[in-house]
Every structure is written in C-alpha cells, then in structure tokens.
N, C-alpha and C. Protein backbone atom coordinates (compact mmCIF):
# COMPACT_ATOMS: atom_id res chain seq x y z
N MET A 1 -17.97 39.48 -14.83
CA MET A 1 -16.89 39.81 -13.95
C MET A 1 -16.09 40.95 -14.57
N THR A 2 -15.85 41.99 -13.81
CA THR A 2 -15.07 43.13 -14.30
C THR A 2 -13.72 43.15 -13.60
N ARG A 3 -12.75 43.66 -14.32
CA ARG A 3 -11.40 43.74 -13.77
C ARG A 3 -10.93 45.18 -13.90
N SER A 4 -10.09 45.57 -12.99
CA SER A 4 -9.54 46.93 -13.04
C SER A 4 -8.50 47.03 -14.15
N ASP A 5 -8.16 48.26 -14.50
CA ASP A 5 -7.17 48.49 -15.55
C ASP A 5 -5.82 47.90 -15.18
N SER A 6 -5.44 48.00 -13.92
CA SER A 6 -4.13 47.46 -13.52
C SER A 6 -4.10 45.94 -13.62
N GLU A 7 -5.23 45.29 -13.30
CA GLU A 7 -5.28 43.83 -13.44
C GLU A 7 -5.18 43.42 -14.91
N LEU A 8 -5.88 44.16 -15.77
CA LEU A 8 -5.81 43.86 -17.20
C LEU A 8 -4.41 44.10 -17.74
N ASP A 9 -3.77 45.17 -17.30
CA ASP A 9 -2.41 45.44 -17.74
C ASP A 9 -1.46 44.33 -17.28
N ALA A 10 -1.67 43.83 -16.07
CA ALA A 10 -0.83 42.74 -15.56
C ALA A 10 -1.05 41.47 -16.38
N LEU A 11 -2.31 41.16 -16.72
CA LEU A 11 -2.59 39.98 -17.54
C LEU A 11 -1.96 40.10 -18.93
N ILE A 12 -2.03 41.28 -19.50
CA ILE A 12 -1.41 41.50 -20.81
C ILE A 12 0.09 41.31 -20.73
N ALA A 13 0.71 41.86 -19.70
CA ALA A 13 2.16 41.74 -19.53
C ALA A 13 2.58 40.28 -19.34
N GLU A 14 1.79 39.50 -18.62
CA GLU A 14 2.11 38.08 -18.42
C GLU A 14 2.04 37.30 -19.71
N ALA A 15 1.14 37.69 -20.60
CA ALA A 15 0.94 36.95 -21.84
C ALA A 15 2.03 37.24 -22.88
N LEU A 16 2.81 38.26 -22.69
CA LEU A 16 3.80 38.65 -23.68
C LEU A 16 5.14 37.97 -23.43
N ASP A 17 5.91 37.81 -24.50
CA ASP A 17 7.26 37.28 -24.34
C ASP A 17 8.22 38.43 -23.97
N ALA A 18 9.49 38.13 -23.80
CA ALA A 18 10.45 39.11 -23.27
C ALA A 18 10.59 40.35 -24.15
N ASP A 19 10.66 40.15 -25.48
CA ASP A 19 10.77 41.30 -26.38
C ASP A 19 9.55 42.19 -26.30
N ASP A 20 8.40 41.57 -26.26
CA ASP A 20 7.16 42.34 -26.19
C ASP A 20 7.01 43.04 -24.84
N ARG A 21 7.49 42.41 -23.79
CA ARG A 21 7.45 43.05 -22.46
C ARG A 21 8.32 44.31 -22.44
N ALA A 22 9.49 44.24 -23.07
CA ALA A 22 10.37 45.41 -23.12
C ALA A 22 9.70 46.54 -23.91
N LEU A 23 9.04 46.20 -25.00
CA LEU A 23 8.35 47.20 -25.80
C LEU A 23 7.17 47.80 -25.04
N LEU A 24 6.43 46.97 -24.33
CA LEU A 24 5.30 47.46 -23.55
C LEU A 24 5.78 48.33 -22.38
N ALA A 25 6.92 47.96 -21.80
CA ALA A 25 7.45 48.74 -20.67
C ALA A 25 7.79 50.16 -21.09
N GLU A 26 8.14 50.33 -22.37
CA GLU A 26 8.47 51.67 -22.87
C GLU A 26 7.25 52.58 -22.82
N PHE A 27 6.07 52.03 -23.02
CA PHE A 27 4.84 52.83 -23.05
C PHE A 27 3.98 52.65 -21.81
N GLU A 28 4.45 51.89 -20.84
CA GLU A 28 3.63 51.54 -19.67
C GLU A 28 3.31 52.73 -18.79
N ASP A 29 4.32 53.32 -18.19
CA ASP A 29 4.08 54.40 -17.24
C ASP A 29 4.12 55.75 -17.94
N GLU A 30 3.24 56.62 -17.50
CA GLU A 30 3.24 57.97 -18.06
C GLU A 30 4.40 58.74 -17.47
N PRO A 31 5.20 59.41 -18.32
CA PRO A 31 6.33 60.17 -17.79
C PRO A 31 5.85 61.35 -16.95
N GLY A 32 6.72 61.83 -16.09
CA GLY A 32 6.38 62.97 -15.24
C GLY A 32 6.28 64.26 -16.04
N TYR A 33 5.88 65.32 -15.35
CA TYR A 33 5.65 66.60 -16.00
C TYR A 33 6.93 67.13 -16.65
N PHE A 34 8.04 67.09 -15.94
CA PHE A 34 9.27 67.65 -16.48
C PHE A 34 9.78 66.84 -17.66
N SER A 35 9.60 65.52 -17.64
CA SER A 35 9.98 64.70 -18.79
C SER A 35 9.14 65.06 -20.00
N GLN A 36 7.84 65.27 -19.76
CA GLN A 36 6.96 65.65 -20.86
C GLN A 36 7.32 67.04 -21.39
N ALA A 37 7.62 67.96 -20.47
CA ALA A 37 7.96 69.33 -20.88
C ALA A 37 9.25 69.34 -21.70
N LEU A 38 10.23 68.56 -21.30
CA LEU A 38 11.50 68.53 -22.04
C LEU A 38 11.38 67.75 -23.34
N SER A 39 10.40 66.86 -23.44
CA SER A 39 10.25 66.07 -24.66
C SER A 39 9.78 66.90 -25.85
N VAL A 40 9.19 68.06 -25.61
CA VAL A 40 8.75 68.89 -26.74
C VAL A 40 9.95 69.49 -27.47
N PHE A 41 11.13 69.45 -26.87
CA PHE A 41 12.33 69.98 -27.51
C PHE A 41 13.11 68.91 -28.26
N ARG A 42 12.46 67.78 -28.53
CA ARG A 42 13.05 66.70 -29.33
C ARG A 42 12.09 66.35 -30.45
N GLY A 43 12.61 65.82 -31.50
CA GLY A 43 11.76 65.39 -32.60
C GLY A 43 11.77 66.37 -33.76
N LYS A 44 10.83 66.16 -34.68
CA LYS A 44 10.78 66.95 -35.91
C LYS A 44 10.40 68.41 -35.67
N LEU A 45 9.59 68.66 -34.67
CA LEU A 45 9.14 70.03 -34.39
C LEU A 45 9.93 70.70 -33.28
N ALA A 46 11.09 70.18 -32.97
CA ALA A 46 11.89 70.74 -31.88
C ALA A 46 12.28 72.18 -32.16
N TRP A 47 12.61 72.49 -33.39
CA TRP A 47 13.03 73.86 -33.71
C TRP A 47 11.90 74.86 -33.48
N VAL A 48 10.66 74.44 -33.75
CA VAL A 48 9.52 75.32 -33.52
C VAL A 48 9.37 75.59 -32.02
N MET A 49 9.52 74.57 -31.22
CA MET A 49 9.39 74.74 -29.78
C MET A 49 10.53 75.60 -29.23
N TRP A 50 11.74 75.46 -29.78
CA TRP A 50 12.84 76.32 -29.34
C TRP A 50 12.57 77.78 -29.68
N VAL A 51 12.05 78.02 -30.89
CA VAL A 51 11.71 79.40 -31.27
C VAL A 51 10.63 79.95 -30.34
N ALA A 52 9.62 79.15 -30.04
CA ALA A 52 8.55 79.59 -29.15
C ALA A 52 9.10 79.88 -27.75
N TYR A 53 9.99 79.04 -27.27
CA TYR A 53 10.55 79.22 -25.93
C TYR A 53 11.43 80.47 -25.87
N ILE A 54 12.26 80.66 -26.88
CA ILE A 54 13.12 81.85 -26.92
C ILE A 54 12.27 83.11 -27.04
N THR A 55 11.21 83.05 -27.85
CA THR A 55 10.29 84.19 -27.96
C THR A 55 9.64 84.48 -26.61
N ASN A 56 9.31 83.46 -25.87
CA ASN A 56 8.74 83.62 -24.54
C ASN A 56 9.72 84.32 -23.60
N ILE A 57 10.97 83.92 -23.66
CA ILE A 57 11.99 84.54 -22.81
C ILE A 57 12.19 86.00 -23.19
N VAL A 58 12.24 86.28 -24.49
CA VAL A 58 12.41 87.66 -24.94
C VAL A 58 11.20 88.50 -24.51
N GLY A 59 10.00 87.94 -24.63
CA GLY A 59 8.79 88.66 -24.20
C GLY A 59 8.81 88.95 -22.71
N ALA A 60 9.28 88.01 -21.92
CA ALA A 60 9.35 88.24 -20.47
C ALA A 60 10.38 89.32 -20.15
N GLY A 61 11.51 89.27 -20.83
CA GLY A 61 12.53 90.31 -20.62
C GLY A 61 12.02 91.68 -21.03
N LEU A 62 11.29 91.73 -22.13
CA LEU A 62 10.71 93.00 -22.59
C LEU A 62 9.68 93.52 -21.61
N ALA A 63 8.89 92.63 -21.03
CA ALA A 63 7.89 93.04 -20.04
C ALA A 63 8.57 93.59 -18.78
N ILE A 64 9.64 92.95 -18.34
CA ILE A 64 10.36 93.43 -17.16
C ILE A 64 10.99 94.79 -17.44
N TRP A 65 11.62 94.92 -18.62
CA TRP A 65 12.23 96.20 -18.98
C TRP A 65 11.16 97.29 -19.08
N GLY A 66 10.01 96.96 -19.70
CA GLY A 66 8.92 97.92 -19.80
C GLY A 66 8.37 98.33 -18.44
N ALA A 67 8.31 97.37 -17.52
CA ALA A 67 7.82 97.69 -16.17
C ALA A 67 8.79 98.63 -15.48
N TRP A 68 10.09 98.40 -15.65
CA TRP A 68 11.09 99.28 -15.04
C TRP A 68 10.98 100.69 -15.62
N GLN A 69 10.82 100.78 -16.93
CA GLN A 69 10.69 102.08 -17.58
C GLN A 69 9.40 102.79 -17.15
N MET A 70 8.33 102.02 -16.99
CA MET A 70 7.06 102.60 -16.58
C MET A 70 7.15 103.20 -15.17
N VAL A 71 7.86 102.52 -14.30
CA VAL A 71 8.01 103.01 -12.93
C VAL A 71 8.87 104.28 -12.91
N GLN A 72 9.83 104.37 -13.81
CA GLN A 72 10.76 105.50 -13.83
C GLN A 72 10.17 106.77 -14.44
N THR A 73 9.17 106.65 -15.30
CA THR A 73 8.64 107.82 -15.99
C THR A 73 7.61 108.57 -15.14
N THR A 74 7.50 109.86 -15.41
CA THR A 74 6.51 110.69 -14.70
C THR A 74 5.42 111.18 -15.63
N ASP A 75 5.61 111.04 -16.93
CA ASP A 75 4.62 111.47 -17.92
C ASP A 75 3.51 110.42 -18.02
N PRO A 76 2.24 110.82 -17.83
CA PRO A 76 1.13 109.85 -17.89
C PRO A 76 0.99 109.17 -19.25
N VAL A 77 1.25 109.89 -20.33
CA VAL A 77 1.14 109.29 -21.66
C VAL A 77 2.21 108.21 -21.84
N MET A 78 3.42 108.47 -21.41
CA MET A 78 4.49 107.48 -21.52
C MET A 78 4.21 106.28 -20.60
N THR A 79 3.59 106.54 -19.45
CA THR A 79 3.23 105.44 -18.56
C THR A 79 2.26 104.49 -19.25
N VAL A 80 1.27 105.06 -19.94
CA VAL A 80 0.30 104.23 -20.66
C VAL A 80 0.99 103.48 -21.79
N ARG A 81 1.91 104.10 -22.50
CA ARG A 81 2.63 103.43 -23.59
C ARG A 81 3.46 102.26 -23.07
N TRP A 82 4.13 102.48 -21.95
CA TRP A 82 4.91 101.38 -21.37
C TRP A 82 3.98 100.26 -20.90
N ALA A 83 2.82 100.62 -20.37
CA ALA A 83 1.86 99.60 -19.91
C ALA A 83 1.35 98.77 -21.09
N VAL A 84 1.13 99.41 -22.24
CA VAL A 84 0.70 98.68 -23.43
C VAL A 84 1.80 97.71 -23.88
N LEU A 85 3.05 98.16 -23.82
CA LEU A 85 4.17 97.27 -24.16
C LEU A 85 4.21 96.06 -23.22
N ILE A 86 4.00 96.31 -21.94
CA ILE A 86 4.01 95.22 -20.96
C ILE A 86 2.88 94.24 -21.25
N LEU A 87 1.69 94.74 -21.50
CA LEU A 87 0.55 93.85 -21.78
C LEU A 87 0.77 93.05 -23.06
N ALA A 88 1.29 93.70 -24.10
CA ALA A 88 1.56 92.98 -25.35
C ALA A 88 2.61 91.89 -25.13
N SER A 89 3.64 92.19 -24.37
CA SER A 89 4.67 91.19 -24.09
C SER A 89 4.11 90.02 -23.29
N LEU A 90 3.25 90.30 -22.33
CA LEU A 90 2.65 89.23 -21.54
C LEU A 90 1.71 88.37 -22.37
N VAL A 91 0.96 88.98 -23.28
CA VAL A 91 0.07 88.21 -24.17
C VAL A 91 0.89 87.29 -25.06
N ILE A 92 1.99 87.81 -25.61
CA ILE A 92 2.87 86.97 -26.44
C ILE A 92 3.42 85.81 -25.61
N GLY A 93 3.85 86.08 -24.39
CA GLY A 93 4.37 85.02 -23.53
C GLY A 93 3.33 83.96 -23.21
N LEU A 94 2.11 84.39 -22.92
CA LEU A 94 1.04 83.43 -22.63
C LEU A 94 0.70 82.59 -23.86
N PHE A 95 0.71 83.21 -25.02
CA PHE A 95 0.45 82.47 -26.25
C PHE A 95 1.51 81.40 -26.49
N MET A 96 2.77 81.77 -26.28
CA MET A 96 3.86 80.80 -26.47
C MET A 96 3.77 79.66 -25.46
N LYS A 97 3.43 79.97 -24.22
CA LYS A 97 3.28 78.92 -23.20
C LYS A 97 2.14 77.97 -23.56
N SER A 98 1.06 78.51 -24.09
CA SER A 98 -0.06 77.65 -24.45
C SER A 98 0.31 76.74 -25.62
N SER A 99 1.12 77.23 -26.55
CA SER A 99 1.54 76.36 -27.65
C SER A 99 2.42 75.22 -27.15
N LEU A 100 3.26 75.49 -26.16
CA LEU A 100 4.08 74.43 -25.57
C LEU A 100 3.19 73.41 -24.86
N GLY A 101 2.16 73.88 -24.16
CA GLY A 101 1.23 72.98 -23.49
C GLY A 101 0.45 72.13 -24.47
N ASN A 102 0.04 72.72 -25.59
CA ASN A 102 -0.68 71.95 -26.61
C ASN A 102 0.21 70.87 -27.20
N GLN A 103 1.48 71.17 -27.40
CA GLN A 103 2.40 70.16 -27.93
C GLN A 103 2.60 69.03 -26.93
N MET A 104 2.65 69.36 -25.64
CA MET A 104 2.75 68.31 -24.61
C MET A 104 1.53 67.39 -24.66
N MET A 105 0.35 67.98 -24.81
CA MET A 105 -0.87 67.17 -24.88
C MET A 105 -0.89 66.30 -26.13
N THR A 106 -0.40 66.83 -27.24
CA THR A 106 -0.31 66.05 -28.47
C THR A 106 0.62 64.86 -28.27
N ASN A 107 1.77 65.09 -27.63
CA ASN A 107 2.70 64.00 -27.38
C ASN A 107 2.08 62.93 -26.49
N ARG A 108 1.31 63.34 -25.48
CA ARG A 108 0.64 62.37 -24.60
C ARG A 108 -0.37 61.55 -25.38
N THR A 109 -1.12 62.21 -26.25
CA THR A 109 -2.13 61.52 -27.07
C THR A 109 -1.47 60.52 -28.01
N LEU A 110 -0.39 60.93 -28.66
CA LEU A 110 0.32 60.02 -29.56
C LEU A 110 0.89 58.82 -28.81
N ARG A 111 1.36 59.05 -27.60
CA ARG A 111 1.89 57.96 -26.79
C ARG A 111 0.81 56.93 -26.46
N GLU A 112 -0.37 57.41 -26.12
CA GLU A 112 -1.47 56.50 -25.81
C GLU A 112 -1.95 55.75 -27.05
N ILE A 113 -1.94 56.42 -28.20
CA ILE A 113 -2.32 55.75 -29.45
C ILE A 113 -1.34 54.63 -29.76
N LYS A 114 -0.04 54.89 -29.56
CA LYS A 114 0.96 53.84 -29.78
C LYS A 114 0.75 52.67 -28.83
N ARG A 115 0.37 52.98 -27.61
CA ARG A 115 0.12 51.91 -26.63
C ARG A 115 -1.08 51.06 -27.06
N LEU A 116 -2.14 51.73 -27.54
CA LEU A 116 -3.31 50.99 -28.03
C LEU A 116 -2.96 50.16 -29.27
N GLU A 117 -2.16 50.73 -30.17
CA GLU A 117 -1.74 49.98 -31.35
C GLU A 117 -0.97 48.72 -30.95
N LEU A 118 -0.12 48.85 -29.97
CA LEU A 118 0.64 47.70 -29.49
C LEU A 118 -0.30 46.64 -28.92
N GLN A 119 -1.26 47.05 -28.14
CA GLN A 119 -2.20 46.08 -27.55
C GLN A 119 -3.05 45.42 -28.63
N ILE A 120 -3.46 46.17 -29.64
CA ILE A 120 -4.26 45.58 -30.73
C ILE A 120 -3.41 44.60 -31.53
N ALA A 121 -2.16 44.98 -31.80
CA ALA A 121 -1.27 44.08 -32.55
C ALA A 121 -1.03 42.79 -31.78
N ARG A 122 -0.86 42.90 -30.47
CA ARG A 122 -0.63 41.70 -29.66
C ARG A 122 -1.89 40.83 -29.61
N ALA A 123 -3.05 41.46 -29.61
CA ALA A 123 -4.29 40.68 -29.55
C ALA A 123 -4.53 39.93 -30.86
N ARG A 124 -4.04 40.42 -31.96
CA ARG A 124 -4.26 39.79 -33.26
C ARG A 124 -3.32 38.63 -33.51
N LEU A 125 -2.19 38.57 -32.81
CA LEU A 125 -1.25 37.48 -33.03
C LEU A 125 -1.83 36.17 -32.52
N PRO A 126 -1.55 35.09 -33.23
CA PRO A 126 -2.05 33.78 -32.77
C PRO A 126 -1.37 33.36 -31.47
N GLU A 127 -2.07 32.57 -30.70
CA GLU A 127 -1.54 32.06 -29.44
C GLU A 127 -0.29 31.23 -29.68
N LYS A 128 0.72 31.40 -28.83
CA LYS A 128 1.95 30.61 -28.93
C LYS A 128 1.80 29.35 -28.08
N ALA A 129 2.27 28.26 -28.63
CA ALA A 129 2.11 26.99 -27.93
C ALA A 129 3.19 26.76 -26.92
C-alpha cells in the first residue's frame, strides 16, 4: 500500500506532541518567492548579498547612463565604447543576480535538510505510552 506525501506528512504530524508540532510547522510549508528572496539578506552572509545587490544596482545605473551617452554621441568609435560599457555593466548585473539565485537555492536545500533531520530524529525516539 502506498501513500501520498501529504498523507505521510499528516500521519507524522498526528504522531508528534505539541512542541514537536510547532517545530515541524516551522519547516512544513515552503515560503513564497519574495520571502525566499528577502531571506538572503539575513544571516551570516547577509553582508555579501547586500554588496552583490548594491553592485547590481550600480551596474544597472551605469548601463542606463551608458545607453543615454551612446544615443547622444555621433562618433562611431565612441558609440562602440559606450556599447562595451553597457555590455560589461549588464554582464556584471547578470552575474550578481545569479549569485543571489544560487543563495536562494542553497537556503531551500538547507531548509529541506533540516526538515529531514527533524523527521529522522522523531523516528528514532521511542514510542510514548
């Protein structure tokens, strides 16, 4: 007989006492995208994420400024130079965004590992009478 994940989760929740239910509820539902995105700005590596985010904003501003300058110039050589600045700024921005995404994925993985650790710890405890 096979059971779905939700049925197994319900059986696990029923078997736990109140303290354990509160702990399991913390890891039960996956947070939404914006909660996950904002969570990278907390913890030990928060300063790294802030630096990456600020660098991303500066790169975007530099790309916009470079685009404005490129449109204003009439010299073909200067147009190419401004275009190189725009491309470099966009590459930096994309790199910073990917690092933020990787940190979000790491946080999700760590959350699931904690959930598994909790389930293993609960399975090892002796039955309560």
